[in-house]
């Protein structure tokens, strides 16, 4: 096995303190959580922001404050900033923080879908072209989020057009209502569609969290975990922190005779800017 990148998705746009009191919500809480997760073995942090009411927001100010707090801790973790933390955000507010902060990575949702059967998650072609070019202009590596197979085909189309540069890094997002189910069969199928020079990671939402993690490690992929995807550590037991998820992932990788990637390893594997 090669080296396995562990990505922690600390917060997301959905779970609140009533779902799990340990979900980090403020810039201070998120920054401290990211720092502790890096110390535990995570090499990438996928970040969402919350407003003062705890709802998902694309506030550039919140991103700046959080990223500043993380860097003040001398934490070298790779930062992957979301571009889809608020279904009501405009195309401009979904990209403004990227221009301001120029993170190493950003999310790139390569298609639209019915989100959780309650609303539309829109990523129209014109926006995807603009986002891809903004990422290129600012030296940012897109992480292509894949909620079903069509997202892969869309990404490969944009690669042919020069909107995305290869090799592409894919993130298989499994178990979201409205997207592909979190099954091992679906994971193997999605993996079969991507180019051989691609890198890939996967996660399962809710009950699919650990099964997809185990299957991904077995298939040689990278893994994502955290309270964005699951607030339960085990059946009938809330997670105490994101660190708990990272520590388990480290154990699983090592039990499979693998090596946990450091931040330096992750940058090399993903081909991030020097």
C-alpha atoms as a PDB file:
ATOM      1  CA  UNK A   1       0.000   0.000   0.000  1.00  0.00           C
ATOM      2  CA  UNK A   2       1.049   3.571  -0.610  1.00  0.00           C
ATOM      3  CA  UNK A   3       0.670   6.475   1.750  1.00  0.00           C
ATOM      4  CA  UNK A   4      -2.908   7.348   2.734  1.00  0.00           C
ATOM      5  CA  UNK A   5      -4.059  10.947   3.016  1.00  0.00           C
ATOM      6  CA  UNK A   6      -6.492  11.562   5.865  1.00  0.00           C
ATOM      7  CA  UNK A   7      -8.802  14.515   5.276  1.00  0.00           C
ATOM      8  CA  UNK A   8     -10.846  15.851   8.175  1.00  0.00           C
ATOM      9  CA  UNK A   9     -14.128  17.573   7.309  1.00  0.00           C
ATOM     10  CA  UNK A  10     -14.636  19.356  10.578  1.00  0.00           C
ATOM     11  CA  UNK A  11     -17.958  21.129  10.375  1.00  0.00           C
ATOM     12  CA  UNK A  12     -20.005  21.078   7.169  1.00  0.00           C
ATOM     13  CA  UNK A  13     -23.129  23.167   6.725  1.00  0.00           C
ATOM     14  CA  UNK A  14     -25.644  20.972   8.519  1.00  0.00           C
ATOM     15  CA  UNK A  15     -24.924  19.506  11.984  1.00  0.00           C
ATOM     16  CA  UNK A  16     -25.489  21.891  14.884  1.00  0.00           C
ATOM     17  CA  UNK A  17     -24.828  21.706  18.594  1.00  0.00           C
ATOM     18  CA  UNK A  18     -28.217  20.066  19.163  1.00  0.00           C
ATOM     19  CA  UNK A  19     -27.109  17.216  16.886  1.00  0.00           C
ATOM     20  CA  UNK A  20     -23.763  16.903  18.643  1.00  0.00           C
ATOM     21  CA  UNK A  21     -22.540  19.490  21.173  1.00  0.00           C
ATOM     22  CA  UNK A  22     -18.954  18.809  20.060  1.00  0.00           C
ATOM     23  CA  UNK A  23     -19.370  20.139  16.504  1.00  0.00           C
ATOM     24  CA  UNK A  24     -16.969  23.088  16.073  1.00  0.00           C
ATOM     25  CA  UNK A  25     -18.865  26.152  14.869  1.00  0.00           C
ATOM     26  CA  UNK A  26     -16.924  29.371  15.440  1.00  0.00           C
ATOM     27  CA  UNK A  27     -13.620  30.274  13.744  1.00  0.00           C
ATOM     28  CA  UNK A  28     -11.854  29.755  17.072  1.00  0.00           C
ATOM     29  CA  UNK A  29     -13.411  26.318  17.601  1.00  0.00           C
ATOM     30  CA  UNK A  30     -12.747  25.216  14.008  1.00  0.00           C
ATOM     31  CA  UNK A  31      -9.126  26.375  14.095  1.00  0.00           C
ATOM     32  CA  UNK A  32      -8.428  24.556  17.361  1.00  0.00           C
ATOM     33  CA  UNK A  33     -10.136  21.431  16.041  1.00  0.00           C
ATOM     34  CA  UNK A  34      -8.086  21.492  12.820  1.00  0.00           C
ATOM     35  CA  UNK A  35      -4.862  21.926  14.803  1.00  0.00           C
ATOM     36  CA  UNK A  36      -5.645  18.956  17.043  1.00  0.00           C
ATOM     37  CA  UNK A  37      -6.652  16.812  14.050  1.00  0.00           C
ATOM     38  CA  UNK A  38      -3.344  17.634  12.340  1.00  0.00           C
ATOM     39  CA  UNK A  39      -1.484  16.571  15.463  1.00  0.00           C
ATOM     40  CA  UNK A  40      -3.468  13.309  15.433  1.00  0.00           C
ATOM     41  CA  UNK A  41      -2.577  12.506  11.803  1.00  0.00           C
ATOM     42  CA  UNK A  42      -4.792  14.454   9.387  1.00  0.00           C
ATOM     43  CA  UNK A  43      -2.908  16.097   6.523  1.00  0.00           C
ATOM     44  CA  UNK A  44      -5.824  17.910   4.843  1.00  0.00           C
ATOM     45  CA  UNK A  45      -8.664  19.934   6.386  1.00  0.00           C
ATOM     46  CA  UNK A  46     -11.851  20.582   4.427  1.00  0.00           C
ATOM     47  CA  UNK A  47     -13.429  23.735   5.824  1.00  0.00           C
ATOM     48  CA  UNK A  48     -16.970  25.128   5.986  1.00  0.00           C
ATOM     49  CA  UNK A  49     -18.012  28.237   7.882  1.00  0.00           C
ATOM     50  CA  UNK A  50     -21.051  29.007  10.031  1.00  0.00           C
ATOM     51  CA  UNK A  51     -22.765  32.318  10.684  1.00  0.00           C
ATOM     52  CA  UNK A  52     -23.577  33.554  14.175  1.00  0.00           C
ATOM     53  CA  UNK A  53     -26.813  31.515  14.144  1.00  0.00           C
ATOM     54  CA  UNK A  54     -24.974  28.345  13.239  1.00  0.00           C
ATOM     55  CA  UNK A  55     -26.104  28.197   9.610  1.00  0.00           C
ATOM     56  CA  UNK A  56     -23.775  27.530   6.703  1.00  0.00           C
ATOM     57  CA  UNK A  57     -22.260  30.682   5.232  1.00  0.00           C
ATOM     58  CA  UNK A  58     -19.794  31.628   2.522  1.00  0.00           C
ATOM     59  CA  UNK A  59     -18.640  34.674   4.492  1.00  0.00           C
ATOM     60  CA  UNK A  60     -15.172  35.646   3.314  1.00  0.00           C
ATOM     61  CA  UNK A  61     -14.568  37.283   6.688  1.00  0.00           C
ATOM     62  CA  UNK A  62     -15.251  34.007   8.529  1.00  0.00           C
ATOM     63  CA  UNK A  63     -12.893  32.135   6.222  1.00  0.00           C
ATOM     64  CA  UNK A  64     -10.163  34.735   6.686  1.00  0.00           C
ATOM     65  CA  UNK A  65     -10.496  34.658  10.470  1.00  0.00           C
ATOM     66  CA  UNK A  66     -10.431  30.864  10.612  1.00  0.00           C
ATOM     67  CA  UNK A  67      -7.501  30.443   8.229  1.00  0.00           C
ATOM     68  CA  UNK A  68      -5.574  33.153  10.082  1.00  0.00           C
ATOM     69  CA  UNK A  69      -6.140  31.374  13.400  1.00  0.00           C
ATOM     70  CA  UNK A  70      -4.933  28.074  11.937  1.00  0.00           C
ATOM     71  CA  UNK A  71      -1.770  29.629  10.541  1.00  0.00           C
ATOM     72  CA  UNK A  72      -1.077  31.414  13.824  1.00  0.00           C
ATOM     73  CA  UNK A  73      -0.780  27.946  15.374  1.00  0.00           C
ATOM     74  CA  UNK A  74       2.044  27.111  12.922  1.00  0.00           C
ATOM     75  CA  UNK A  75      -0.140  24.316  11.614  1.00  0.00           C
ATOM     76  CA  UNK A  76       1.073  23.149   8.166  1.00  0.00           C
ATOM     77  CA  UNK A  77      -2.083  21.189   7.288  1.00  0.00           C
ATOM     78  CA  UNK A  78      -3.322  21.519   3.693  1.00  0.00           C
ATOM     79  CA  UNK A  79      -6.441  23.698   3.603  1.00  0.00           C
ATOM     80  CA  UNK A  80      -9.277  22.759   1.255  1.00  0.00           C
ATOM     81  CA  UNK A  81     -11.951  25.473   1.330  1.00  0.00           C
ATOM     82  CA  UNK A  82     -15.495  24.673   0.302  1.00  0.00           C
ATOM     83  CA  UNK A  83     -17.256  26.536  -2.489  1.00  0.00           C
ATOM     84  CA  UNK A  84     -20.702  25.229  -1.557  1.00  0.00           C
ATOM     85  CA  UNK A  85     -21.414  26.010   2.071  1.00  0.00           C
ATOM     86  CA  UNK A  86     -24.698  27.834   1.529  1.00  0.00           C
ATOM     87  CA  UNK A  87     -27.420  26.895  -0.979  1.00  0.00           C
ATOM     88  CA  UNK A  88     -28.495  30.558  -1.087  1.00  0.00           C
ATOM     89  CA  UNK A  89     -25.026  31.935  -1.884  1.00  0.00           C
ATOM     90  CA  UNK A  90     -24.352  33.705  -5.164  1.00  0.00           C
ATOM     91  CA  UNK A  91     -21.736  32.530  -7.626  1.00  0.00           C
ATOM     92  CA  UNK A  92     -19.558  35.471  -6.595  1.00  0.00           C
ATOM     93  CA  UNK A  93     -19.707  34.734  -2.861  1.00  0.00           C
ATOM     94  CA  UNK A  94     -18.890  31.087  -3.559  1.00  0.00           C
ATOM     95  CA  UNK A  95     -15.535  32.165  -5.020  1.00  0.00           C
ATOM     96  CA  UNK A  96     -14.638  35.423  -3.231  1.00  0.00           C
ATOM     97  CA  UNK A  97     -12.782  33.719  -0.378  1.00  0.00           C
ATOM     98  CA  UNK A  98     -10.647  31.774  -2.860  1.00  0.00           C
ATOM     99  CA  UNK A  99      -9.420  34.986  -4.455  1.00  0.00           C
ATOM    100  CA  UNK A 100      -8.790  36.528  -1.033  1.00  0.00           C
ATOM    101  CA  UNK A 101      -6.967  33.577   0.547  1.00  0.00           C
ATOM    102  CA  UNK A 102      -5.605  31.525  -2.376  1.00  0.00           C
ATOM    103  CA  UNK A 103      -5.779  28.208  -0.485  1.00  0.00           C
ATOM    104  CA  UNK A 104      -3.966  25.164  -1.793  1.00  0.00           C
ATOM    105  CA  UNK A 105      -7.257  23.385  -2.551  1.00  0.00           C
ATOM    106  CA  UNK A 106     -10.974  24.057  -3.020  1.00  0.00           C
ATOM    107  CA  UNK A 107     -14.031  21.921  -3.587  1.00  0.00           C
ATOM    108  CA  UNK A 108     -15.399  21.647  -7.133  1.00  0.00           C
ATOM    109  CA  UNK A 109     -18.894  20.125  -7.276  1.00  0.00           C
ATOM    110  CA  UNK A 110     -18.982  18.999 -10.890  1.00  0.00           C
ATOM    111  CA  UNK A 111     -22.754  18.812 -11.311  1.00  0.00           C
ATOM    112  CA  UNK A 112     -26.175  19.688  -9.930  1.00  0.00           C
ATOM    113  CA  UNK A 113     -28.519  17.519  -7.871  1.00  0.00           C
ATOM    114  CA  UNK A 114     -31.625  17.411  -5.674  1.00  0.00           C
ATOM    115  CA  UNK A 115     -30.036  18.087  -2.294  1.00  0.00           C
ATOM    116  CA  UNK A 116     -31.399  15.928   0.540  1.00  0.00           C
ATOM    117  CA  UNK A 117     -34.755  15.880  -1.311  1.00  0.00           C
ATOM    118  CA  UNK A 118     -35.417  19.403  -0.016  1.00  0.00           C
ATOM    119  CA  UNK A 119     -33.853  21.779  -2.546  1.00  0.00           C
ATOM    120  CA  UNK A 120     -31.636  22.194  -5.563  1.00  0.00           C
ATOM    121  CA  UNK A 121     -27.869  22.138  -5.346  1.00  0.00           C
ATOM    122  CA  UNK A 122     -27.020  24.080  -8.482  1.00  0.00           C
ATOM    123  CA  UNK A 123     -23.659  24.023 -10.217  1.00  0.00           C
ATOM    124  CA  UNK A 124     -24.503  25.136 -13.780  1.00  0.00           C
ATOM    125  CA  UNK A 125     -21.962  24.940 -16.613  1.00  0.00           C
ATOM    126  CA  UNK A 126     -21.173  28.665 -16.639  1.00  0.00           C
ATOM    127  CA  UNK A 127     -20.342  28.602 -12.922  1.00  0.00           C
ATOM    128  CA  UNK A 128     -18.178  25.505 -13.224  1.00  0.00           C
ATOM    129  CA  UNK A 129     -16.192  27.132 -16.017  1.00  0.00           C
ATOM    130  CA  UNK A 130     -15.684  30.302 -13.966  1.00  0.00           C
ATOM    131  CA  UNK A 131     -14.730  28.347 -10.848  1.00  0.00           C
ATOM    132  CA  UNK A 132     -12.224  26.221 -12.745  1.00  0.00           C
ATOM    133  CA  UNK A 133     -10.555  29.290 -14.232  1.00  0.00           C
ATOM    134  CA  UNK A 134     -10.507  31.135 -10.882  1.00  0.00           C
ATOM    135  CA  UNK A 135      -8.802  28.109  -9.353  1.00  0.00           C
ATOM    136  CA  UNK A 136      -6.193  28.041 -12.110  1.00  0.00           C
ATOM    137  CA  UNK A 137      -5.535  31.785 -11.904  1.00  0.00           C
ATOM    138  CA  UNK A 138      -4.951  31.558  -8.157  1.00  0.00           C
ATOM    139  CA  UNK A 139      -2.874  28.368  -8.100  1.00  0.00           C
ATOM    140  CA  UNK A 140      -5.602  26.336  -6.359  1.00  0.00           C
ATOM    141  CA  UNK A 141      -6.062  22.581  -6.881  1.00  0.00           C
ATOM    142  CA  UNK A 142      -9.755  21.690  -7.278  1.00  0.00           C
ATOM    143  CA  UNK A 143     -11.030  18.624  -5.485  1.00  0.00           C
ATOM    144  CA  UNK A 144     -13.794  17.271  -7.714  1.00  0.00           C
ATOM    145  CA  UNK A 145     -16.706  16.247  -5.516  1.00  0.00           C
ATOM    146  CA  UNK A 146     -18.575  13.258  -6.964  1.00  0.00           C
ATOM    147  CA  UNK A 147     -22.140  12.639  -5.795  1.00  0.00           C
ATOM    148  CA  UNK A 148     -22.931  10.333  -8.705  1.00  0.00           C
ATOM    149  CA  UNK A 149     -21.220   9.067 -11.856  1.00  0.00           C
ATOM    150  CA  UNK A 150     -22.318  12.031 -13.984  1.00  0.00           C
ATOM    151  CA  UNK A 151     -20.044  14.295 -11.928  1.00  0.00           C
ATOM    152  CA  UNK A 152     -17.034  12.308 -13.147  1.00  0.00           C
ATOM    153  CA  UNK A 153     -18.055  12.624 -16.787  1.00  0.00           C
ATOM    154  CA  UNK A 154     -18.611  16.355 -16.309  1.00  0.00           C
ATOM    155  CA  UNK A 155     -15.152  16.757 -14.782  1.00  0.00           C
ATOM    156  CA  UNK A 156     -13.512  14.874 -17.653  1.00  0.00           C
ATOM    157  CA  UNK A 157     -15.346  17.134 -20.115  1.00  0.00           C
ATOM    158  CA  UNK A 158     -13.996  20.227 -18.352  1.00  0.00           C
ATOM    159  CA  UNK A 159     -10.527  18.691 -18.361  1.00  0.00           C
ATOM    160  CA  UNK A 160     -10.738  18.300 -22.147  1.00  0.00           C
ATOM    161  CA  UNK A 161     -11.792  21.943 -22.393  1.00  0.00           C
ATOM    162  CA  UNK A 162      -8.836  23.074 -20.262  1.00  0.00           C
ATOM    163  CA  UNK A 163     -11.063  24.280 -17.410  1.00  0.00           C
ATOM    164  CA  UNK A 164      -9.592  21.599 -15.155  1.00  0.00           C
ATOM    165  CA  UNK A 165      -5.971  20.508 -15.277  1.00  0.00           C
ATOM    166  CA  UNK A 166      -4.962  16.908 -14.805  1.00  0.00           C
ATOM    167  CA  UNK A 167      -4.260  14.819 -12.967  1.00  0.00           C
ATOM    168  CA  UNK A 168      -7.613  15.382 -11.250  1.00  0.00           C
ATOM    169  CA  UNK A 169      -8.229  14.617  -7.588  1.00  0.00           C
ATOM    170  CA  UNK A 170     -11.685  13.070  -7.079  1.00  0.00           C
ATOM    171  CA  UNK A 171     -13.630  12.893  -3.825  1.00  0.00           C
ATOM    172  CA  UNK A 172     -16.401  10.261  -3.855  1.00  0.00           C
ATOM    173  CA  UNK A 173     -19.221  11.615  -1.668  1.00  0.00           C
ATOM    174  CA  UNK A 174     -21.439   8.654  -0.862  1.00  0.00           C
ATOM    175  CA  UNK A 175     -24.687   8.374   1.032  1.00  0.00           C
ATOM    176  CA  UNK A 176     -26.139  11.866   0.553  1.00  0.00           C
ATOM    177  CA  UNK A 177     -29.891  11.805  -0.011  1.00  0.00           C
ATOM    178  CA  UNK A 178     -30.267  12.588  -3.706  1.00  0.00           C
ATOM    179  CA  UNK A 179     -26.839  11.169  -4.556  1.00  0.00           C
ATOM    180  CA  UNK A 180     -25.293   7.732  -4.943  1.00  0.00           C
ATOM    181  CA  UNK A 181     -25.719   5.267  -2.081  1.00  0.00           C
ATOM    182  CA  UNK A 182     -22.780   4.404   0.186  1.00  0.00           C
ATOM    183  CA  UNK A 183     -22.130   0.843  -0.945  1.00  0.00           C
ATOM    184  CA  UNK A 184     -18.883  -0.932  -1.759  1.00  0.00           C
ATOM    185  CA  UNK A 185     -20.281  -1.853  -5.177  1.00  0.00           C
ATOM    186  CA  UNK A 186     -20.868   1.819  -5.994  1.00  0.00           C
ATOM    187  CA  UNK A 187     -17.413   2.752  -4.739  1.00  0.00           C
ATOM    188  CA  UNK A 188     -15.760   0.189  -7.019  1.00  0.00           C
ATOM    189  CA  UNK A 189     -17.860   1.410  -9.954  1.00  0.00           C
ATOM    190  CA  UNK A 190     -16.955   5.086  -9.413  1.00  0.00           C
ATOM    191  CA  UNK A 191     -13.276   4.204  -9.086  1.00  0.00           C
ATOM    192  CA  UNK A 192     -13.443   2.349 -12.407  1.00  0.00           C
ATOM    193  CA  UNK A 193     -14.497   5.533 -14.236  1.00  0.00           C
ATOM    194  CA  UNK A 194     -11.596   7.812 -13.372  1.00  0.00           C
ATOM    195  CA  UNK A 195      -8.327   8.107 -15.344  1.00  0.00           C
ATOM    196  CA  UNK A 196      -5.382   6.026 -14.169  1.00  0.00           C
ATOM    197  CA  UNK A 197      -3.315   9.101 -13.313  1.00  0.00           C
ATOM    198  CA  UNK A 198      -6.020  10.448 -10.987  1.00  0.00           C
ATOM    199  CA  UNK A 199      -5.901  10.492  -7.211  1.00  0.00           C
ATOM    200  CA  UNK A 200      -9.053   9.752  -5.273  1.00  0.00           C
ATOM    201  CA  UNK A 201     -10.602   9.774  -1.844  1.00  0.00           C
ATOM    202  CA  UNK A 202     -13.971   8.685  -0.501  1.00  0.00           C
ATOM    203  CA  UNK A 203     -16.303   8.975   2.431  1.00  0.00           C
ATOM    204  CA  UNK A 204     -19.667   7.619   3.484  1.00  0.00           C
ATOM    205  CA  UNK A 205     -22.292   9.707   5.234  1.00  0.00           C
ATOM    206  CA  UNK A 206     -23.896   8.461   8.445  1.00  0.00           C
ATOM    207  CA  UNK A 207     -24.051   4.667   8.681  1.00  0.00           C
ATOM    208  CA  UNK A 208     -21.814   4.369   5.614  1.00  0.00           C
ATOM    209  CA  UNK A 209     -18.957   6.187   7.328  1.00  0.00           C
ATOM    210  CA  UNK A 210     -16.864   3.232   8.512  1.00  0.00           C
ATOM    211  CA  UNK A 211     -17.764   0.697   5.761  1.00  0.00           C
ATOM    212  CA  UNK A 212     -16.705   3.100   2.997  1.00  0.00           C
ATOM    213  CA  UNK A 213     -13.584   4.017   4.943  1.00  0.00           C
ATOM    214  CA  UNK A 214     -12.584   0.362   5.243  1.00  0.00           C
ATOM    215  CA  UNK A 215     -13.303  -0.344   1.574  1.00  0.00           C
ATOM    216  CA  UNK A 216     -11.383   2.739   0.461  1.00  0.00           C
ATOM    217  CA  UNK A 217      -8.312   1.728   2.442  1.00  0.00           C
ATOM    218  CA  UNK A 218      -8.520  -1.764   0.940  1.00  0.00           C
ATOM    219  CA  UNK A 219      -8.763  -0.313  -2.586  1.00  0.00           C
ATOM    220  CA  UNK A 220      -5.780   1.982  -2.069  1.00  0.00           C
ATOM    221  CA  UNK A 221      -7.640   5.283  -1.925  1.00  0.00           C
ATOM    222  CA  UNK A 222      -7.433   8.206   0.463  1.00  0.00           C
ATOM    223  CA  UNK A 223     -10.030   8.776   3.173  1.00  0.00           C
ATOM    224  CA  UNK A 224     -12.157  11.599   4.516  1.00  0.00           C
ATOM    225  CA  UNK A 225     -13.933  11.656   7.849  1.00  0.00           C
ATOM    226  CA  UNK A 226     -15.371  14.103  10.321  1.00  0.00           C
ATOM    227  CA  UNK A 227     -18.527  15.676  11.683  1.00  0.00           C
ATOM    228  CA  UNK A 228     -19.532  17.151   8.349  1.00  0.00           C
ATOM    229  CA  UNK A 229     -20.342  13.591   7.315  1.00  0.00           C
ATOM    230  CA  UNK A 230     -21.230  11.863  10.558  1.00  0.00           C
ATOM    231  CA  UNK A 231     -21.787  13.011  14.143  1.00  0.00           C
ATOM    232  CA  UNK A 232     -21.876   9.450  15.529  1.00  0.00           C
ATOM    233  CA  UNK A 233     -18.678   7.611  16.407  1.00  0.00           C
ATOM    234  CA  UNK A 234     -20.541   4.324  16.819  1.00  0.00           C
ATOM    235  CA  UNK A 235     -24.123   3.151  17.079  1.00  0.00           C
ATOM    236  CA  UNK A 236     -25.897   5.096  19.831  1.00  0.00           C
ATOM    237  CA  UNK A 237     -22.683   6.986  20.706  1.00  0.00           C
ATOM    238  CA  UNK A 238     -21.954  10.581  19.689  1.00  0.00           C
ATOM    239  CA  UNK A 239     -18.429  11.442  18.623  1.00  0.00           C
ATOM    240  CA  UNK A 240     -16.479  13.259  21.296  1.00  0.00           C
ATOM    241  CA  UNK A 241     -14.464  15.201  18.713  1.00  0.00           C
ATOM    242  CA  UNK A 242     -13.137  15.076  15.170  1.00  0.00           C
ATOM    243  CA  UNK A 243      -9.839  13.943  16.660  1.00  0.00           C
ATOM    244  CA  UNK A 244     -11.545  10.708  17.631  1.00  0.00           C
ATOM    245  CA  UNK A 245     -12.376  10.045  13.973  1.00  0.00           C
ATOM    246  CA  UNK A 246      -8.805  10.834  12.904  1.00  0.00           C
ATOM    247  CA  UNK A 247      -7.300   8.561  15.536  1.00  0.00           C
ATOM    248  CA  UNK A 248      -9.475   5.665  14.388  1.00  0.00           C
ATOM    249  CA  UNK A 249      -8.511   6.289  10.755  1.00  0.00           C
ATOM    250  CA  UNK A 250      -4.831   6.237  11.669  1.00  0.00           C
ATOM    251  CA  UNK A 251      -5.309   2.887  13.420  1.00  0.00           C
ATOM    252  CA  UNK A 252      -7.168   1.413  10.430  1.00  0.00           C
ATOM    253  CA  UNK A 253      -4.515   2.499   7.936  1.00  0.00           C
ATOM    254  CA  UNK A 254      -1.753   1.034  10.087  1.00  0.00           C
ATOM    255  CA  UNK A 255      -3.711  -2.200  10.678  1.00  0.00           C
ATOM    256  CA  UNK A 256      -3.865  -2.554   6.884  1.00  0.00           C
ATOM    257  CA  UNK A 257      -0.053  -2.244   6.784  1.00  0.00           C
ATOM    258  CA  UNK A 258      -0.298   1.206   5.243  1.00  0.00           C
ATOM    259  CA  UNK A 259       1.376   4.493   6.064  1.00  0.00           C
ATOM    260  CA  UNK A 260      -0.422   7.680   7.038  1.00  0.00           C
ATOM    261  CA  UNK A 261       0.610  10.549   4.762  1.00  0.00           C
ATOM    262  CA  UNK A 262       2.215  13.590   6.348  1.00  0.00           C
ATOM    263  CA  UNK A 263       1.362  17.074   5.102  1.00  0.00           C
ATOM    264  CA  UNK A 264       4.498  16.972   2.961  1.00  0.00           C
ATOM    265  CA  UNK A 265       3.449  13.595   1.544  1.00  0.00           C
ATOM    266  CA  UNK A 266      -0.041  14.917   0.797  1.00  0.00           C
ATOM    267  CA  UNK A 267       1.324  17.907  -1.108  1.00  0.00           C
ATOM    268  CA  UNK A 268       3.501  15.625  -3.223  1.00  0.00           C
ATOM    269  CA  UNK A 269       0.748  13.070  -3.868  1.00  0.00           C
ATOM    270  CA  UNK A 270      -1.773  15.764  -4.863  1.00  0.00           C
ATOM    271  CA  UNK A 271       0.695  17.775  -6.899  1.00  0.00           C
ATOM    272  CA  UNK A 272       0.052  20.970  -4.999  1.00  0.00           C
ATOM    273  CA  UNK A 273       1.902  24.171  -5.800  1.00  0.00           C
ATOM    274  CA  UNK A 274       5.373  24.538  -4.366  1.00  0.00           C
END
